[in-house]
Amino acid sequence: MVVRYADDLLVLHEDMDTLLKLTGQAENWLSEIGLQFKASKTRFCHTLEEREGQAGFDFLGFTVRQYRVGKHRTHTYRGKPGFKTIIKPSQKAQKRHLAKIREIIRKHRGHAQAALIAELNPVIRGWANYYQTCVAKKTFSRADAQTYQKLARWAAFRHPDKGAKWRYLRYWKRTKGRIDFSDGAAILAKHADTKIQRHIKVRGSKSPFDGDWLYWSARLGRDPSRPPKIVKLLKQQEGKCLYCGLCFMAEDVLEIHHRDQNRANYAYSNLALLHGHCHDQSHSDGVFL
């Protein structure tokens, strides 16, 4: 099996000799168009057994690895204890993310707390949403703990003459029954607030071109790559545009329409999900639904 994304390539096969043969064929094909594999990123590995001191592989920021488990934990394979495949955020991806958070916090040493929160929130939410389909709950908790340590140092830099308790009470507030990094209005997002949502495979008999709008509209409502607000509106509207009444398709542009024209009012009763062109047409016609 071959998996490709942009210039990243992954080839999966159970036989090493076959992999070596396929690698040679791929190198020959790439050389004809003036390209070649990058030696530092190319390696042969096994998802279960260690090879060159490492089991599993990293791909697109994920670490894919298999672990042996007892016969009562999973199905057996050919009468022997089986294994489970675990996909987690890679160590390199975690280090890059935490380094970015550290850079943002350091850059905002002299800024107001609200400005720091506004800069951090999209970074934290975006990263957590990307990994919410894999085994990442413990990773999210560790990221929150390390973010707290960085913020504590940020507060200490701003108030070197104050005690840790004073700084804690100054920059951490109790909101909704828990302690958050907050100035009373802006609240810092937490990685662990993102719920783990397993990826649901597309049915083998389905295609985006098969005309089954009901299936694909329902699937859009479970798409973890879309913002939660759009997902909820998709479910409320049963996958249909409120302006034209047609079902949304995977390739459609979706836009949120404010019924009262107040873009600051994000109450769900004031929102409607429309096709991009329907949204433009509704404003052109003065139809506010």
Protein backbone atom coordinates (compact mmCIF):
# COMPACT_ATOMS: atom_id res chain seq x y z
CA MET A 1 0.00 0.00 0.00
CA VAL A 2 1.25 3.50 -0.86
CA VAL A 3 0.25 6.63 1.10
CA ARG A 4 1.31 10.00 -0.28
CA TYR A 5 0.76 13.53 0.96
CA ALA A 6 2.53 16.38 -0.91
CA ASP A 7 6.19 15.32 -1.00
CA ASP A 8 5.88 12.75 1.82
CA LEU A 9 5.61 9.11 0.80
CA LEU A 10 4.91 5.96 2.80
CA VAL A 11 5.06 2.41 1.42
CA LEU A 12 3.64 -0.46 3.50
CA HIS A 13 4.33 -4.12 2.78
CA GLU A 14 4.86 -7.23 4.88
CA ASP A 15 7.91 -8.42 2.90
CA MET A 16 11.27 -6.59 3.12
CA ASP A 17 12.54 -7.86 -0.24
CA THR A 18 9.45 -6.46 -1.93
CA LEU A 19 9.99 -3.10 -0.18
CA LEU A 20 13.57 -2.94 -1.42
CA LYS A 21 12.42 -3.71 -4.94
CA LEU A 22 9.70 -1.04 -4.79
CA THR A 23 12.18 1.49 -3.42
CA GLY A 24 14.51 0.88 -6.35
CA GLN A 25 11.67 1.30 -8.84
CA ALA A 26 10.57 4.53 -7.15
CA GLU A 27 14.13 5.91 -7.20
CA ASN A 28 14.46 5.15 -10.91
CA TRP A 29 11.15 6.86 -11.65
CA LEU A 30 12.06 9.94 -9.58
CA SER A 31 15.47 10.23 -11.23
CA GLU A 32 13.77 10.59 -14.62
CA ILE A 33 12.12 13.81 -13.45
CA GLY A 34 15.16 15.12 -11.60
CA LEU A 35 14.13 14.14 -8.06
CA GLN A 36 15.44 11.79 -5.41
CA PHE A 37 14.67 10.55 -1.92
CA LYS A 38 16.14 12.54 0.96
CA ALA A 39 18.50 10.15 2.73
CA SER A 40 17.93 11.67 6.19
CA LYS A 41 14.18 11.06 5.94
CA THR A 42 14.22 7.66 4.25
CA ARG A 43 14.32 4.55 6.41
CA PHE A 44 13.07 0.98 6.57
CA CYS A 45 11.28 -0.03 9.74
CA HIS A 46 8.91 -2.52 11.28
CA THR A 47 5.80 -1.42 13.16
CA LEU A 48 6.17 -4.20 15.78
CA GLU A 49 9.83 -5.25 15.89
CA GLU A 50 12.71 -2.88 16.61
CA ARG A 51 14.94 -2.08 13.65
CA GLU A 52 17.97 0.15 14.09
CA GLY A 53 16.87 0.68 17.69
CA GLN A 54 13.41 1.94 16.78
CA ALA A 55 10.01 0.37 16.18
CA GLY A 56 7.29 2.09 14.21
CA PHE A 57 7.57 5.21 12.09
CA ASP A 58 6.65 8.91 12.01
CA PHE A 59 4.43 10.29 9.27
CA LEU A 60 2.82 13.73 9.04
CA GLY A 61 3.46 14.39 12.71
CA PHE A 62 2.08 11.05 13.91
CA THR A 63 3.96 8.07 15.35
CA VAL A 64 2.52 4.75 14.19
CA ARG A 65 3.55 1.68 16.17
CA GLN A 66 2.21 -1.72 17.15
CA TYR A 67 2.44 -3.28 20.63
CA ARG A 68 2.15 -6.90 21.67
CA VAL A 69 -0.76 -7.65 23.99
CA GLY A 70 -2.09 -10.74 25.74
CA LYS A 71 -4.60 -13.08 24.18
CA HIS A 72 -7.40 -11.67 26.32
CA ARG A 73 -6.78 -8.07 25.20
CA THR A 74 -7.25 -8.44 21.45
CA HIS A 75 -7.80 -10.97 18.71
CA THR A 76 -5.10 -13.57 18.20
CA TYR A 77 -3.16 -13.74 14.96
CA ARG A 78 -2.69 -17.26 13.57
CA GLY A 79 -3.23 -18.74 17.02
CA LYS A 80 -0.64 -16.48 18.67
CA PRO A 81 -1.15 -13.46 20.95
CA GLY A 82 -1.96 -10.48 18.82
CA PHE A 83 -1.07 -6.81 18.86
CA LYS A 84 -2.64 -3.40 18.82
CA THR A 85 -1.82 -0.46 16.59
CA ILE A 86 -1.38 2.79 18.50
CA ILE A 87 -1.10 6.17 16.74
CA LYS A 88 0.15 9.11 18.80
CA PRO A 89 1.52 12.61 18.21
CA SER A 90 5.21 12.22 17.39
CA GLN A 91 7.88 13.41 19.80
CA LYS A 92 9.20 15.83 17.19
CA ALA A 93 5.72 17.32 16.70
CA GLN A 94 5.32 17.77 20.45
CA LYS A 95 8.69 19.49 20.73
CA ARG A 96 7.88 21.83 17.83
CA HIS A 97 4.53 22.73 19.37
CA LEU A 98 5.93 23.42 22.83
CA ALA A 99 8.78 25.42 21.29
CA LYS A 100 6.22 27.58 19.49
CA ILE A 101 4.28 28.14 22.71
CA ARG A 102 7.53 29.08 24.48
CA GLU A 103 8.39 31.52 21.70
CA ILE A 104 4.97 33.19 21.87
CA ILE A 105 5.12 33.51 25.66
CA ARG A 106 8.63 34.96 25.52
CA LYS A 107 7.58 37.44 22.82
CA HIS A 108 4.72 38.65 25.02
CA ARG A 109 6.70 39.29 28.18
CA GLY A 110 5.79 42.95 28.07
CA HIS A 111 2.25 42.56 26.76
CA ALA A 112 -1.05 42.37 28.58
CA GLN A 113 -2.34 38.96 29.64
CA ALA A 114 -5.29 39.20 27.23
CA ALA A 115 -2.92 39.74 24.28
CA LEU A 116 -0.92 36.64 25.25
CA ILE A 117 -4.10 34.55 25.55
CA ALA A 118 -5.37 35.79 22.18
CA GLU A 119 -2.09 34.69 20.56
CA LEU A 120 -1.93 31.29 22.27
CA ASN A 121 -5.53 30.13 21.90
CA PRO A 122 -5.58 29.47 18.13
CA VAL A 123 -2.21 27.70 18.35
CA ILE A 124 -3.37 25.41 21.16
CA ARG A 125 -6.80 24.69 19.65
CA GLY A 126 -5.42 24.13 16.16
CA TRP A 127 -2.77 21.67 17.33
CA ALA A 128 -5.19 19.77 19.56
CA ASN A 129 -7.81 19.54 16.80
CA TYR A 130 -5.22 18.09 14.42
CA TYR A 131 -4.41 15.27 16.86
CA GLN A 132 -7.87 14.69 18.33
CA THR A 133 -8.43 11.54 16.26
CA CYS A 134 -5.44 9.64 17.70
CA VAL A 135 -4.32 8.43 21.14
CA ALA A 136 -3.47 11.86 22.50
CA LYS A 137 -5.21 12.37 25.86
CA LYS A 138 -2.04 11.91 27.93
CA THR A 139 -0.10 14.03 25.44
CA PHE A 140 -2.64 16.84 25.83
CA SER A 141 -2.38 16.67 29.64
CA ARG A 142 1.43 16.85 29.49
CA ALA A 143 1.27 19.78 27.07
CA ASP A 144 -1.03 21.65 29.48
CA ALA A 145 1.31 20.96 32.40
CA GLN A 146 4.34 22.22 30.48
CA THR A 147 2.41 25.26 29.26
CA TYR A 148 1.58 26.06 32.89
CA GLN A 149 5.28 25.96 33.81
CA LYS A 150 6.11 28.35 30.97
CA LEU A 151 3.33 30.73 32.03
CA ALA A 152 4.53 30.61 35.65
CA ARG A 153 7.98 31.73 34.46
CA TRP A 154 6.30 34.45 32.36
CA ALA A 155 4.55 35.75 35.48
CA ALA A 156 7.78 35.55 37.51
CA PHE A 157 9.61 37.61 34.88
CA ARG A 158 6.94 40.31 35.04
CA HIS A 159 6.86 40.42 38.86
CA PRO A 160 10.26 39.34 40.22
CA ASP A 161 9.59 41.02 43.59
CA LYS A 162 6.29 39.23 44.20
CA GLY A 163 5.76 35.77 45.66
CA ALA A 164 4.53 32.72 43.72
CA LYS A 165 1.18 32.82 45.54
CA TRP A 166 0.59 36.47 44.63
CA ARG A 167 1.43 35.80 40.98
CA TYR A 168 -0.84 32.77 40.94
CA LEU A 169 -3.79 34.72 42.31
CA ARG A 170 -3.04 37.56 39.91
CA TYR A 171 -3.00 35.56 36.68
CA TRP A 172 -5.07 32.43 37.41
CA LYS A 173 -8.79 32.75 38.08
CA ARG A 174 -11.52 30.29 39.01
CA THR A 175 -13.96 30.02 36.12
CA LYS A 176 -16.72 27.44 35.73
CA GLY A 177 -15.51 25.42 38.68
CA ARG A 178 -11.83 25.20 37.70
CA ILE A 179 -8.67 27.30 37.71
CA ASP A 180 -7.70 28.85 34.38
CA PHE A 181 -5.05 31.26 33.16
CA SER A 182 -7.33 34.25 32.80
CA ASP A 183 -7.67 37.96 33.38
CA GLY A 184 -11.35 37.57 34.22
CA ALA A 185 -12.52 38.02 30.63
CA ALA A 186 -10.13 36.18 28.31
CA ILE A 187 -9.47 32.52 29.18
CA LEU A 188 -6.60 30.41 27.91
CA ALA A 189 -7.67 27.27 26.07
CA LYS A 190 -6.41 23.90 27.29
CA HIS A 191 -5.29 21.02 25.11
CA ALA A 192 -7.20 18.57 27.29
CA ASP A 193 -10.48 20.38 26.60
CA THR A 194 -10.40 18.92 23.08
CA LYS A 195 -12.31 15.65 23.13
CA ILE A 196 -10.77 12.63 21.46
CA GLN A 197 -12.90 11.78 18.43
CA ARG A 198 -11.91 8.63 16.56
CA HIS A 199 -11.74 8.79 12.78
CA ILE A 200 -14.57 6.90 11.09
CA LYS A 201 -13.46 5.17 7.92
CA VAL A 202 -15.41 5.77 4.73
CA ARG A 203 -17.44 2.74 3.71
CA GLY A 204 -15.67 0.77 1.04
CA SER A 205 -18.68 1.00 -1.27
CA LYS A 206 -18.98 4.80 -1.02
CA SER A 207 -17.57 7.52 -3.26
CA PRO A 208 -18.01 11.33 -3.20
CA PHE A 209 -19.37 10.97 -6.74
CA ASP A 210 -22.00 8.29 -6.03
CA GLY A 211 -24.79 10.81 -5.38
CA ASP A 212 -25.51 9.54 -1.85
CA TRP A 213 -25.91 13.01 -0.35
CA LEU A 214 -27.47 11.71 2.84
CA TYR A 215 -24.40 9.62 3.70
CA TRP A 216 -21.88 12.31 2.86
CA SER A 217 -23.84 15.05 4.62
CA ALA A 218 -24.01 12.94 7.77
CA ARG A 219 -20.31 12.26 7.49
CA LEU A 220 -19.54 15.97 7.22
CA GLY A 221 -21.18 16.35 10.62
CA ARG A 222 -18.55 14.00 12.08
CA ASP A 223 -15.58 15.58 10.36
CA PRO A 224 -13.01 16.41 13.11
CA SER A 225 -11.21 18.79 10.74
CA ARG A 226 -14.15 21.23 10.79
CA PRO A 227 -14.81 23.68 13.66
CA PRO A 228 -17.24 22.38 16.32
CA LYS A 229 -19.68 25.23 15.55
CA ILE A 230 -20.00 24.13 11.90
CA VAL A 231 -20.35 20.49 12.96
CA LYS A 232 -23.21 21.35 15.31
CA LEU A 233 -24.99 23.45 12.67
CA LEU A 234 -24.62 20.61 10.14
CA LYS A 235 -26.37 18.27 12.56
CA GLN A 236 -29.10 20.80 13.40
CA GLN A 237 -29.84 21.42 9.72
CA GLU A 238 -29.56 17.70 8.82
CA GLY A 239 -26.83 18.46 6.33
CA LYS A 240 -28.89 20.94 4.27
CA CYS A 241 -28.34 24.58 3.34
CA LEU A 242 -31.11 26.74 4.86
CA TYR A 243 -31.13 29.06 1.84
CA CYS A 244 -31.40 26.69 -1.13
CA GLY A 245 -32.45 23.54 0.72
CA LEU A 246 -29.84 21.37 -1.04
CA CYS A 247 -27.58 18.96 0.82
CA PHE A 248 -24.01 19.95 1.49
CA MET A 249 -21.30 17.96 -0.29
CA ALA A 250 -17.72 17.34 0.84
CA GLU A 251 -16.25 19.86 -1.62
CA ASP A 252 -18.73 22.68 -0.84
CA VAL A 253 -17.67 25.95 0.79
CA LEU A 254 -19.60 26.38 4.06
CA GLU A 255 -20.18 29.76 5.67
CA ILE A 256 -21.97 30.85 8.84
CA HIS A 257 -24.78 33.37 8.37
CA HIS A 258 -25.96 35.69 11.20
CA ARG A 259 -29.73 36.00 11.01
CA ASP A 260 -29.90 39.40 12.78
CA GLN A 261 -26.83 40.72 10.93
CA ASN A 262 -25.02 41.14 14.25
CA ARG A 263 -21.68 39.40 13.75
CA ALA A 264 -21.00 39.54 17.47
CA ASN A 265 -24.07 37.44 18.28
CA TYR A 266 -22.92 33.80 18.13
CA ALA A 267 -25.99 32.27 19.78
CA TYR A 268 -26.89 29.13 17.83
CA SER A 269 -30.45 30.40 17.41
CA ASN A 270 -28.97 33.32 15.45
CA LEU A 271 -26.76 31.21 13.17
CA ALA A 272 -27.43 29.39 9.93
CA LEU A 273 -25.06 27.35 7.78
CA LEU A 274 -25.16 28.18 4.07
CA HIS A 275 -23.26 27.44 0.90
CA GLY A 276 -20.71 30.17 0.20
CA HIS A 277 -22.58 31.32 -2.92
CA CYS A 278 -25.93 31.12 -1.10
CA HIS A 279 -24.53 33.31 1.66
CA ASP A 280 -23.51 35.95 -0.89
CA GLN A 281 -26.90 35.73 -2.60
CA SER A 282 -28.81 36.07 0.67
CA HIS A 283 -27.05 39.35 1.44
CA SER A 284 -27.55 40.55 -2.12
CA ASP A 285 -31.30 39.82 -1.91
CA GLY A 286 -31.61 41.16 1.63
CA VAL A 287 -32.92 37.80 2.87
CA PHE A 288 -31.93 37.30 6.50
CA LEU A 289 -33.73 33.97 7.13
